[in-house]
Amino acid sequence: MSLGRDATWHDQAVAEHAPFMDEPRLRSGAVYDEEGRLYLVVSENRGTLADFRAAILELLGGQGRPALADGIFLDGDGSSQLRSREASLTGDLRPVVQMISLLD
């Protein structure tokens, strides 16, 4: 995501062959802050990669929080799903065979 490098993030994403950058799609990513906290982020609405990155910076990079260090874009669109106590986002309902699972 090249957080903190606003001028060059897009070129980096192109160099890394980020798929469907300019198409409105569901998005997911993993972001971490300077204190080592990990945030798994899944969009509820379709947007471009730029939209998703901007939303992360706006929502997680706000005052009163540790600064975001960086993050990665994960697979997106229909496989962007989330199940937690707080929310459930089903993507396109396809079976997900690879996932990040956090247990407490």
PDB file of N, CA and C in Angstrom:
ATOM      1  N   MET A   1       0.812  -1.203   0.000  1.00  0.00           N
ATOM      2  CA  MET A   1       0.000   0.000   0.000  1.00  0.00           C
ATOM      3  C   MET A   1       0.848   1.257   0.000  1.00  0.00           C
ATOM      4  N   SER A   2       2.107   1.103   0.355  1.00  0.00           N
ATOM      5  CA  SER A   2       3.022   2.252   0.386  1.00  0.00           C
ATOM      6  C   SER A   2       2.430   3.409   1.190  1.00  0.00           C
ATOM      7  N   LEU A   3       1.894   3.101   2.379  1.00  0.00           N
ATOM      8  CA  LEU A   3       1.349   4.141   3.244  1.00  0.00           C
ATOM      9  C   LEU A   3       2.491   5.061   3.642  1.00  0.00           C
ATOM     10  N   GLY A   4       2.239   6.350   3.595  1.00  0.00           N
ATOM     11  CA  GLY A   4       3.292   7.320   3.872  1.00  0.00           C
ATOM     12  C   GLY A   4       4.066   7.733   2.629  1.00  0.00           C
ATOM     13  N   ARG A   5       3.763   7.118   1.509  1.00  0.00           N
ATOM     14  CA  ARG A   5       4.421   7.474   0.247  1.00  0.00           C
ATOM     15  C   ARG A   5       3.343   7.771  -0.793  1.00  0.00           C
ATOM     16  N   ASP A   6       2.584   8.814  -0.511  1.00  0.00           N
ATOM     17  CA  ASP A   6       1.437   9.150  -1.362  1.00  0.00           C
ATOM     18  C   ASP A   6       1.816   9.419  -2.812  1.00  0.00           C
ATOM     19  N   ALA A   7       2.988   9.989  -3.037  1.00  0.00           N
ATOM     20  CA  ALA A   7       3.381  10.364  -4.402  1.00  0.00           C
ATOM     21  C   ALA A   7       3.767   9.163  -5.261  1.00  0.00           C
ATOM     22  N   THR A   8       4.147   8.052  -4.641  1.00  0.00           N
ATOM     23  CA  THR A   8       4.668   6.925  -5.419  1.00  0.00           C
ATOM     24  C   THR A   8       3.884   5.620  -5.262  1.00  0.00           C
ATOM     25  N   TRP A   9       2.851   5.598  -4.429  1.00  0.00           N
ATOM     26  CA  TRP A   9       2.163   4.335  -4.173  1.00  0.00           C
ATOM     27  C   TRP A   9       1.561   3.742  -5.446  1.00  0.00           C
ATOM     28  N   HIS A  10       0.986   4.595  -6.301  1.00  0.00           N
ATOM     29  CA  HIS A  10       0.328   4.101  -7.510  1.00  0.00           C
ATOM     30  C   HIS A  10       1.336   3.427  -8.445  1.00  0.00           C
ATOM     31  N   ASP A  11       2.488   4.057  -8.639  1.00  0.00           N
ATOM     32  CA  ASP A  11       3.524   3.465  -9.490  1.00  0.00           C
ATOM     33  C   ASP A  11       3.996   2.133  -8.929  1.00  0.00           C
ATOM     34  N   GLN A  12       4.096   2.045  -7.607  1.00  0.00           N
ATOM     35  CA  GLN A  12       4.509   0.787  -6.968  1.00  0.00           C
ATOM     36  C   GLN A  12       3.463  -0.297  -7.198  1.00  0.00           C
ATOM     37  N   ALA A  13       2.203   0.049  -7.071  1.00  0.00           N
ATOM     38  CA  ALA A  13       1.126  -0.925  -7.302  1.00  0.00           C
ATOM     39  C   ALA A  13       1.133  -1.417  -8.746  1.00  0.00           C
ATOM     40  N   VAL A  14       1.378  -0.515  -9.679  1.00  0.00           N
ATOM     41  CA  VAL A  14       1.473  -0.907 -11.096  1.00  0.00           C
ATOM     42  C   VAL A  14       2.662  -1.847 -11.291  1.00  0.00           C
ATOM     43  N   ALA A  15       3.802  -1.518 -10.704  1.00  0.00           N
ATOM     44  CA  ALA A  15       5.001  -2.353 -10.832  1.00  0.00           C
ATOM     45  C   ALA A  15       4.780  -3.750 -10.254  1.00  0.00           C
ATOM     46  N   GLU A  16       3.924  -3.840  -9.244  1.00  0.00           N
ATOM     47  CA  GLU A  16       3.631  -5.136  -8.613  1.00  0.00           C
ATOM     48  C   GLU A  16       2.438  -5.834  -9.267  1.00  0.00           C
ATOM     49  N   HIS A  17       1.939  -5.273 -10.365  1.00  0.00           N
ATOM     50  CA  HIS A  17       0.843  -5.859 -11.145  1.00  0.00           C
ATOM     51  C   HIS A  17      -0.434  -6.038 -10.321  1.00  0.00           C
ATOM     52  N   ALA A  18      -0.785  -5.027  -9.541  1.00  0.00           N
ATOM     53  CA  ALA A  18      -2.047  -5.081  -8.800  1.00  0.00           C
ATOM     54  C   ALA A  18      -3.192  -5.195  -9.807  1.00  0.00           C
ATOM     55  N   PRO A  19      -4.044  -6.196  -9.656  1.00  0.00           N
ATOM     56  CA  PRO A  19      -5.105  -6.399 -10.643  1.00  0.00           C
ATOM     57  C   PRO A  19      -6.288  -5.457 -10.454  1.00  0.00           C
ATOM     58  N   PHE A  20      -6.896  -5.071 -11.553  1.00  0.00           N
ATOM     59  CA  PHE A  20      -8.164  -4.327 -11.559  1.00  0.00           C
ATOM     60  C   PHE A  20      -8.103  -3.064 -10.699  1.00  0.00           C
ATOM     61  N   MET A  21      -6.999  -2.340 -10.766  1.00  0.00           N
ATOM     62  CA  MET A  21      -6.784  -1.174  -9.915  1.00  0.00           C
ATOM     63  C   MET A  21      -7.865  -0.110 -10.080  1.00  0.00           C
ATOM     64  N   ASP A  22      -8.323   0.099 -11.297  1.00  0.00           N
ATOM     65  CA  ASP A  22      -9.248   1.197 -11.562  1.00  0.00           C
ATOM     66  C   ASP A  22     -10.695   0.756 -11.708  1.00  0.00           C
ATOM     67  N   GLU A  23     -10.973  -0.510 -11.404  1.00  0.00           N
ATOM     68  CA  GLU A  23     -12.346  -1.007 -11.479  1.00  0.00           C
ATOM     69  C   GLU A  23     -12.979  -1.004 -10.094  1.00  0.00           C
ATOM     70  N   PRO A  24     -14.262  -0.673 -10.012  1.00  0.00           N
ATOM     71  CA  PRO A  24     -14.932  -0.725  -8.714  1.00  0.00           C
ATOM     72  C   PRO A  24     -15.157  -2.176  -8.280  1.00  0.00           C
ATOM     73  N   ARG A  25     -14.445  -2.564  -7.240  1.00  0.00           N
ATOM     74  CA  ARG A  25     -14.501  -3.935  -6.729  1.00  0.00           C
ATOM     75  C   ARG A  25     -14.512  -3.906  -5.217  1.00  0.00           C
ATOM     76  N   LEU A  26     -14.948  -5.007  -4.604  1.00  0.00           N
ATOM     77  CA  LEU A  26     -14.765  -5.170  -3.164  1.00  0.00           C
ATOM     78  C   LEU A  26     -13.274  -5.343  -2.925  1.00  0.00           C
ATOM     79  N   ARG A  27     -12.786  -4.852  -1.810  1.00  0.00           N
ATOM     80  CA  ARG A  27     -11.345  -4.866  -1.536  1.00  0.00           C
ATOM     81  C   ARG A  27     -11.072  -5.400  -0.145  1.00  0.00           C
ATOM     82  N   SER A  28      -9.864  -5.943   0.028  1.00  0.00           N
ATOM     83  CA  SER A  28      -9.418  -6.362   1.357  1.00  0.00           C
ATOM     84  C   SER A  28      -7.921  -6.092   1.473  1.00  0.00           C
ATOM     85  N   GLY A  29      -7.479  -5.924   2.706  1.00  0.00           N
ATOM     86  CA  GLY A  29      -6.071  -5.636   2.943  1.00  0.00           C
ATOM     87  C   GLY A  29      -5.694  -5.880   4.385  1.00  0.00           C
ATOM     88  N   ALA A  30      -4.408  -5.875   4.643  1.00  0.00           N
ATOM     89  CA  ALA A  30      -3.853  -5.990   5.989  1.00  0.00           C
ATOM     90  C   ALA A  30      -2.964  -4.774   6.208  1.00  0.00           C
ATOM     91  N   VAL A  31      -3.208  -4.070   7.303  1.00  0.00           N
ATOM     92  CA  VAL A  31      -2.488  -2.838   7.622  1.00  0.00           C
ATOM     93  C   VAL A  31      -1.950  -2.960   9.037  1.00  0.00           C
ATOM     94  N   TYR A  32      -0.763  -2.414   9.272  1.00  0.00           N
ATOM     95  CA  TYR A  32      -0.229  -2.422  10.636  1.00  0.00           C
ATOM     96  C   TYR A  32       0.240  -1.025  11.014  1.00  0.00           C
ATOM     97  N   ASP A  33       0.196  -0.762  12.329  1.00  0.00           N
ATOM     98  CA  ASP A  33       0.606   0.563  12.796  1.00  0.00           C
ATOM     99  C   ASP A  33       1.994   0.487  13.431  1.00  0.00           C
ATOM    100  N   GLU A  34       2.495   1.638  13.849  1.00  0.00           N
ATOM    101  CA  GLU A  34       3.855   1.719  14.394  1.00  0.00           C
ATOM    102  C   GLU A  34       4.015   0.989  15.717  1.00  0.00           C
ATOM    103  N   GLU A  35       2.915   0.629  16.372  1.00  0.00           N
ATOM    104  CA  GLU A  35       2.986  -0.148  17.612  1.00  0.00           C
ATOM    105  C   GLU A  35       2.812  -1.641  17.359  1.00  0.00           C
ATOM    106  N   GLY A  36       2.717  -2.026  16.098  1.00  0.00           N
ATOM    107  CA  GLY A  36       2.629  -3.442  15.747  1.00  0.00           C
ATOM    108  C   GLY A  36       1.226  -4.011  15.716  1.00  0.00           C
ATOM    109  N   ARG A  37       0.209  -3.185  15.858  1.00  0.00           N
ATOM    110  CA  ARG A  37      -1.163  -3.684  15.766  1.00  0.00           C
ATOM    111  C   ARG A  37      -1.501  -3.978  14.311  1.00  0.00           C
ATOM    112  N   LEU A  38      -2.169  -5.101  14.105  1.00  0.00           N
ATOM    113  CA  LEU A  38      -2.573  -5.512  12.767  1.00  0.00           C
ATOM    114  C   LEU A  38      -4.062  -5.276  12.590  1.00  0.00           C
ATOM    115  N   TYR A  39      -4.421  -4.691  11.462  1.00  0.00           N
ATOM    116  CA  TYR A  39      -5.816  -4.456  11.110  1.00  0.00           C
ATOM    117  C   TYR A  39      -6.108  -5.196   9.812  1.00  0.00           C
ATOM    118  N   LEU A  40      -7.092  -6.073   9.843  1.00  0.00           N
ATOM    119  CA  LEU A  40      -7.567  -6.716   8.621  1.00  0.00           C
ATOM    120  C   LEU A  40      -8.782  -5.914   8.163  1.00  0.00           C
ATOM    121  N   VAL A  41      -8.748  -5.437   6.935  1.00  0.00           N
ATOM    122  CA  VAL A  41      -9.749  -4.496   6.448  1.00  0.00           C
ATOM    123  C   VAL A  41     -10.465  -5.095   5.243  1.00  0.00           C
ATOM    124  N   VAL A  42     -11.789  -5.066   5.278  1.00  0.00           N
ATOM    125  CA  VAL A  42     -12.605  -5.548   4.168  1.00  0.00           C
ATOM    126  C   VAL A  42     -13.630  -4.467   3.853  1.00  0.00           C
ATOM    127  N   SER A  43     -13.759  -4.126   2.589  1.00  0.00           N
ATOM    128  CA  SER A  43     -14.709  -3.075   2.204  1.00  0.00           C
ATOM    129  C   SER A  43     -16.126  -3.623   2.115  1.00  0.00           C
ATOM    130  N   GLU A  44     -17.064  -2.773   2.464  1.00  0.00           N
ATOM    131  CA  GLU A  44     -18.488  -3.097   2.300  1.00  0.00           C
ATOM    132  C   GLU A  44     -18.984  -2.693   0.925  1.00  0.00           C
ATOM    133  N   ASN A  45     -18.307  -1.716   0.339  1.00  0.00           N
ATOM    134  CA  ASN A  45     -18.728  -1.148  -0.943  1.00  0.00           C
ATOM    135  C   ASN A  45     -17.620  -1.320  -1.977  1.00  0.00           C
ATOM    136  N   ARG A  46     -18.023  -1.334  -3.218  1.00  0.00           N
ATOM    137  CA  ARG A  46     -17.056  -1.451  -4.306  1.00  0.00           C
ATOM    138  C   ARG A  46     -16.341  -0.119  -4.509  1.00  0.00           C
ATOM    139  N   GLY A  47     -15.064  -0.204  -4.847  1.00  0.00           N
ATOM    140  CA  GLY A  47     -14.287   0.991  -5.138  1.00  0.00           C
ATOM    141  C   GLY A  47     -12.988   0.615  -5.818  1.00  0.00           C
ATOM    142  N   THR A  48     -12.300   1.622  -6.313  1.00  0.00           N
ATOM    143  CA  THR A  48     -10.988   1.396  -6.921  1.00  0.00           C
ATOM    144  C   THR A  48      -9.959   1.145  -5.833  1.00  0.00           C
ATOM    145  N   LEU A  49      -8.771   0.749  -6.235  1.00  0.00           N
ATOM    146  CA  LEU A  49      -7.695   0.563  -5.269  1.00  0.00           C
ATOM    147  C   LEU A  49      -7.362   1.886  -4.585  1.00  0.00           C
ATOM    148  N   ALA A  50      -7.402   2.982  -5.338  1.00  0.00           N
ATOM    149  CA  ALA A  50      -7.149   4.305  -4.754  1.00  0.00           C
ATOM    150  C   ALA A  50      -8.216   4.657  -3.715  1.00  0.00           C
ATOM    151  N   ASP A  51      -9.477   4.345  -4.007  1.00  0.00           N
ATOM    152  CA  ASP A  51     -10.559   4.603  -3.058  1.00  0.00           C
ATOM    153  C   ASP A  51     -10.328   3.831  -1.759  1.00  0.00           C
ATOM    154  N   PHE A  52      -9.966   2.560  -1.892  1.00  0.00           N
ATOM    155  CA  PHE A  52      -9.749   1.695  -0.731  1.00  0.00           C
ATOM    156  C   PHE A  52      -8.593   2.210   0.116  1.00  0.00           C
ATOM    157  N   ARG A  53      -7.499   2.559  -0.515  1.00  0.00           N
ATOM    158  CA  ARG A  53      -6.333   3.083   0.202  1.00  0.00           C
ATOM    159  C   ARG A  53      -6.684   4.386   0.916  1.00  0.00           C
ATOM    160  N   ALA A  54      -7.406   5.278   0.239  1.00  0.00           N
ATOM    161  CA  ALA A  54      -7.806   6.548   0.847  1.00  0.00           C
ATOM    162  C   ALA A  54      -8.712   6.327   2.054  1.00  0.00           C
ATOM    163  N   ALA A  55      -9.631   5.370   1.964  1.00  0.00           N
ATOM    164  CA  ALA A  55     -10.525   5.074   3.081  1.00  0.00           C
ATOM    165  C   ALA A  55      -9.742   4.546   4.283  1.00  0.00           C
ATOM    166  N   ILE A  56      -8.749   3.700   4.033  1.00  0.00           N
ATOM    167  CA  ILE A  56      -7.918   3.191   5.123  1.00  0.00           C
ATOM    168  C   ILE A  56      -7.185   4.338   5.809  1.00  0.00           C
ATOM    169  N   LEU A  57      -6.594   5.209   5.031  1.00  0.00           N
ATOM    170  CA  LEU A  57      -5.878   6.351   5.615  1.00  0.00           C
ATOM    171  C   LEU A  57      -6.824   7.251   6.402  1.00  0.00           C
ATOM    172  N   GLU A  58      -8.024   7.449   5.900  1.00  0.00           N
ATOM    173  CA  GLU A  58      -8.990   8.311   6.586  1.00  0.00           C
ATOM    174  C   GLU A  58      -9.500   7.680   7.874  1.00  0.00           C
ATOM    175  N   LEU A  59      -9.854   6.404   7.822  1.00  0.00           N
ATOM    176  CA  LEU A  59     -10.486   5.759   8.968  1.00  0.00           C
ATOM    177  C   LEU A  59      -9.502   5.261  10.021  1.00  0.00           C
ATOM    178  N   LEU A  60      -8.346   4.783   9.592  1.00  0.00           N
ATOM    179  CA  LEU A  60      -7.384   4.227  10.548  1.00  0.00           C
ATOM    180  C   LEU A  60      -6.214   5.155  10.829  1.00  0.00           C
ATOM    181  N   GLY A  61      -6.018   6.146  10.005  1.00  0.00           N
ATOM    182  CA  GLY A  61      -4.887   7.043  10.174  1.00  0.00           C
ATOM    183  C   GLY A  61      -5.240   8.326  10.895  1.00  0.00           C
ATOM    184  N   GLY A  62      -6.370   8.331  11.597  1.00  0.00           N
ATOM    185  CA  GLY A  62      -6.831   9.544  12.242  1.00  0.00           C
ATOM    186  C   GLY A  62      -6.101   9.880  13.530  1.00  0.00           C
ATOM    187  N   GLN A  63      -6.418  11.034  14.040  1.00  0.00           N
ATOM    188  CA  GLN A  63      -5.816  11.505  15.279  1.00  0.00           C
ATOM    189  C   GLN A  63      -6.205  10.587  16.427  1.00  0.00           C
ATOM    190  N   GLY A  64      -5.298  10.485  17.395  1.00  0.00           N
ATOM    191  CA  GLY A  64      -5.548   9.654  18.556  1.00  0.00           C
ATOM    192  C   GLY A  64      -5.163   8.199  18.359  1.00  0.00           C
ATOM    193  N   ARG A  65      -4.700   7.851  17.191  1.00  0.00           N
ATOM    194  CA  ARG A  65      -4.254   6.487  16.899  1.00  0.00           C
ATOM    195  C   ARG A  65      -2.768   6.521  16.582  1.00  0.00           C
ATOM    196  N   PRO A  66      -2.081   5.410  16.829  1.00  0.00           N
ATOM    197  CA  PRO A  66      -0.683   5.337  16.367  1.00  0.00           C
ATOM    198  C   PRO A  66      -0.630   5.462  14.850  1.00  0.00           C
ATOM    199  N   ALA A  67       0.432   6.021  14.333  1.00  0.00           N
ATOM    200  CA  ALA A  67       0.582   6.194  12.887  1.00  0.00           C
ATOM    201  C   ALA A  67       0.618   4.839  12.193  1.00  0.00           C
ATOM    202  N   LEU A  68       0.004   4.782  11.020  1.00  0.00           N
ATOM    203  CA  LEU A  68       0.064   3.563  10.219  1.00  0.00           C
ATOM    204  C   LEU A  68       1.467   3.424   9.644  1.00  0.00           C
ATOM    205  N   ALA A  69       2.011   2.220   9.711  1.00  0.00           N
ATOM    206  CA  ALA A  69       3.353   1.972   9.176  1.00  0.00           C
ATOM    207  C   ALA A  69       3.274   1.583   7.703  1.00  0.00           C
ATOM    208  N   ASP A  70       2.450   0.592   7.390  1.00  0.00           N
ATOM    209  CA  ASP A  70       2.278   0.162   5.998  1.00  0.00           C
ATOM    210  C   ASP A  70       1.231  -0.936   5.951  1.00  0.00           C
ATOM    211  N   GLY A  71       1.049  -1.510   4.787  1.00  0.00           N
ATOM    212  CA  GLY A  71       0.065  -2.560   4.616  1.00  0.00           C
ATOM    213  C   GLY A  71       0.191  -3.194   3.249  1.00  0.00           C
ATOM    214  N   ILE A  72      -0.619  -4.210   3.032  1.00  0.00           N
ATOM    215  CA  ILE A  72      -0.642  -4.896   1.744  1.00  0.00           C
ATOM    216  C   ILE A  72      -2.086  -5.045   1.280  1.00  0.00           C
ATOM    217  N   PHE A  73      -2.262  -4.981  -0.024  1.00  0.00           N
ATOM    218  CA  PHE A  73      -3.553  -5.277  -0.613  1.00  0.00           C
ATOM    219  C   PHE A  73      -3.658  -6.790  -0.710  1.00  0.00           C
ATOM    220  N   LEU A  74      -4.797  -7.326  -0.326  1.00  0.00           N
ATOM    221  CA  LEU A  74      -5.051  -8.758  -0.445  1.00  0.00           C
ATOM    222  C   LEU A  74      -5.998  -9.001  -1.609  1.00  0.00           C
ATOM    223  N   ASP A  75      -6.318 -10.254  -1.849  1.00  0.00           N
ATOM    224  CA  ASP A  75      -7.244 -10.600  -2.916  1.00  0.00           C
ATOM    225  C   ASP A  75      -8.544  -9.832  -2.706  1.00  0.00           C
ATOM    226  N   GLY A  76      -9.203  -9.503  -3.759  1.00  0.00           N
ATOM    227  CA  GLY A  76     -10.398  -8.688  -3.618  1.00  0.00           C
ATOM    228  C   GLY A  76     -11.584  -9.243  -4.359  1.00  0.00           C
ATOM    229  N   ASP A  77     -12.589  -8.432  -4.464  1.00  0.00           N
ATOM    230  CA  ASP A  77     -13.867  -8.684  -5.094  1.00  0.00           C
ATOM    231  C   ASP A  77     -14.652  -9.740  -4.333  1.00  0.00           C
ATOM    232  N   GLY A  78     -15.199 -10.732  -4.973  1.00  0.00           N
ATOM    233  CA  GLY A  78     -16.093 -11.673  -4.308  1.00  0.00           C
ATOM    234  C   GLY A  78     -15.476 -12.446  -3.171  1.00  0.00           C
ATOM    235  N   SER A  79     -14.152 -12.598  -3.190  1.00  0.00           N
ATOM    236  CA  SER A  79     -13.507 -13.312  -2.091  1.00  0.00           C
ATOM    237  C   SER A  79     -13.234 -12.405  -0.893  1.00  0.00           C
ATOM    238  N   SER A  80     -13.568 -11.125  -0.995  1.00  0.00           N
ATOM    239  CA  SER A  80     -13.426 -10.203   0.139  1.00  0.00           C
ATOM    240  C   SER A  80     -14.568 -10.463   1.102  1.00  0.00           C
ATOM    241  N   GLN A  81     -14.305 -11.300   2.068  1.00  0.00           N
ATOM    242  CA  GLN A  81     -15.319 -11.700   3.030  1.00  0.00           C
ATOM    243  C   GLN A  81     -14.784 -11.522   4.443  1.00  0.00           C
ATOM    244  N   LEU A  82     -15.699 -11.373   5.385  1.00  0.00           N
ATOM    245  CA  LEU A  82     -15.334 -11.168   6.776  1.00  0.00           C
ATOM    246  C   LEU A  82     -16.399 -11.787   7.655  1.00  0.00           C
ATOM    247  N   ARG A  83     -15.962 -12.476   8.683  1.00  0.00           N
ATOM    248  CA  ARG A  83     -16.899 -12.968   9.687  1.00  0.00           C
ATOM    249  C   ARG A  83     -16.281 -12.710  11.051  1.00  0.00           C
ATOM    250  N   SER A  84     -16.944 -11.893  11.840  1.00  0.00           N
ATOM    251  CA  SER A  84     -16.477 -11.587  13.189  1.00  0.00           C
ATOM    252  C   SER A  84     -17.682 -11.370  14.080  1.00  0.00           C
ATOM    253  N   ARG A  85     -17.430 -11.116  15.357  1.00  0.00           N
ATOM    254  CA  ARG A  85     -18.533 -10.814  16.269  1.00  0.00           C
ATOM    255  C   ARG A  85     -19.249  -9.530  15.848  1.00  0.00           C
ATOM    256  N   GLU A  86     -18.489  -8.596  15.295  1.00  0.00           N
ATOM    257  CA  GLU A  86     -19.030  -7.276  14.988  1.00  0.00           C
ATOM    258  C   GLU A  86     -19.698  -7.175  13.628  1.00  0.00           C
ATOM    259  N   ALA A  87     -19.264  -7.977  12.667  1.00  0.00           N
ATOM    260  CA  ALA A  87     -19.777  -7.810  11.299  1.00  0.00           C
ATOM    261  C   ALA A  87     -19.643  -9.102  10.511  1.00  0.00           C
ATOM    262  N   SER A  88     -20.441  -9.178   9.464  1.00  0.00           N
ATOM    263  CA  SER A  88     -20.351 -10.294   8.527  1.00  0.00           C
ATOM    264  C   SER A  88     -20.531  -9.726   7.120  1.00  0.00           C
ATOM    265  N   LEU A  89     -19.515  -9.907   6.285  1.00  0.00           N
ATOM    266  CA  LEU A  89     -19.555  -9.474   4.891  1.00  0.00           C
ATOM    267  C   LEU A  89     -19.351 -10.713   4.040  1.00  0.00           C
ATOM    268  N   THR A  90     -20.296 -11.012   3.186  1.00  0.00           N
ATOM    269  CA  THR A  90     -20.297 -12.298   2.485  1.00  0.00           C
ATOM    270  C   THR A  90     -19.706 -12.274   1.083  1.00  0.00           C
ATOM    271  N   GLY A  91     -19.238 -11.125   0.601  1.00  0.00           N
ATOM    272  CA  GLY A  91     -18.703 -11.083  -0.761  1.00  0.00           C
ATOM    273  C   GLY A  91     -19.734 -11.574  -1.742  1.00  0.00           C
ATOM    274  N   ASP A  92     -19.333 -12.476  -2.624  1.00  0.00           N
ATOM    275  CA  ASP A  92     -20.298 -13.025  -3.579  1.00  0.00           C
ATOM    276  C   ASP A  92     -20.738 -14.437  -3.204  1.00  0.00           C
ATOM    277  N   LEU A  93     -20.523 -14.794  -1.955  1.00  0.00           N
ATOM    278  CA  LEU A  93     -20.951 -16.079  -1.376  1.00  0.00           C
ATOM    279  C   LEU A  93     -20.157 -17.277  -1.883  1.00  0.00           C
ATOM    280  N   ARG A  94     -19.068 -17.053  -2.609  1.00  0.00           N
ATOM    281  CA  ARG A  94     -18.277 -18.185  -3.078  1.00  0.00           C
ATOM    282  C   ARG A  94     -17.555 -18.838  -1.896  1.00  0.00           C
ATOM    283  N   PRO A  95     -17.270 -20.132  -1.988  1.00  0.00           N
ATOM    284  CA  PRO A  95     -16.479 -20.771  -0.932  1.00  0.00           C
ATOM    285  C   PRO A  95     -15.061 -20.191  -0.916  1.00  0.00           C
ATOM    286  N   VAL A  96     -14.564 -19.916   0.251  1.00  0.00           N
ATOM    287  CA  VAL A  96     -13.211 -19.384   0.395  1.00  0.00           C
ATOM    288  C   VAL A  96     -12.330 -20.514   0.921  1.00  0.00           C
ATOM    289  N   VAL A  97     -11.306 -20.875   0.139  1.00  0.00           N
ATOM    290  CA  VAL A  97     -10.460 -22.002   0.526  1.00  0.00           C
ATOM    291  C   VAL A  97      -9.166 -21.554   1.204  1.00  0.00           C
ATOM    292  N   GLN A  98      -8.822 -20.288   1.093  1.00  0.00           N
ATOM    293  CA  GLN A  98      -7.665 -19.743   1.789  1.00  0.00           C
ATOM    294  C   GLN A  98      -8.141 -18.525   2.558  1.00  0.00           C
ATOM    295  N   MET A  99      -7.750 -18.446   3.827  1.00  0.00           N
ATOM    296  CA  MET A  99      -8.222 -17.337   4.632  1.00  0.00           C
ATOM    297  C   MET A  99      -7.226 -17.030   5.737  1.00  0.00           C
ATOM    298  N   ILE A 100      -7.417 -15.894   6.350  1.00  0.00           N
ATOM    299  CA  ILE A 100      -6.691 -15.541   7.554  1.00  0.00           C
ATOM    300  C   ILE A 100      -7.669 -15.742   8.692  1.00  0.00           C
ATOM    301  N   SER A 101      -7.308 -16.562   9.634  1.00  0.00           N
ATOM    302  CA  SER A 101      -8.172 -16.846  10.766  1.00  0.00           C
ATOM    303  C   SER A 101      -7.464 -16.430  12.037  1.00  0.00           C
ATOM    304  N   LEU A 102      -8.113 -15.611  12.837  1.00  0.00           N
ATOM    305  CA  LEU A 102      -7.562 -15.172  14.106  1.00  0.00           C
ATOM    306  C   LEU A 102      -8.403 -15.760  15.221  1.00  0.00           C
ATOM    307  N   LEU A 103      -7.764 -16.370  16.168  1.00  0.00           N
ATOM    308  CA  LEU A 103      -8.479 -16.977  17.300  1.00  0.00           C
ATOM    309  C   LEU A 103      -8.052 -16.281  18.571  1.00  0.00           C
ATOM    310  N   ASP A 104      -9.015 -16.093  19.486  1.00  0.00           N
ATOM    311  CA  ASP A 104      -8.620 -15.511  20.765  1.00  0.00           C
ATOM    312  C   ASP A 104      -8.836 -16.473  21.892  1.00  0.00           C
TER     313      ASP A 104
END
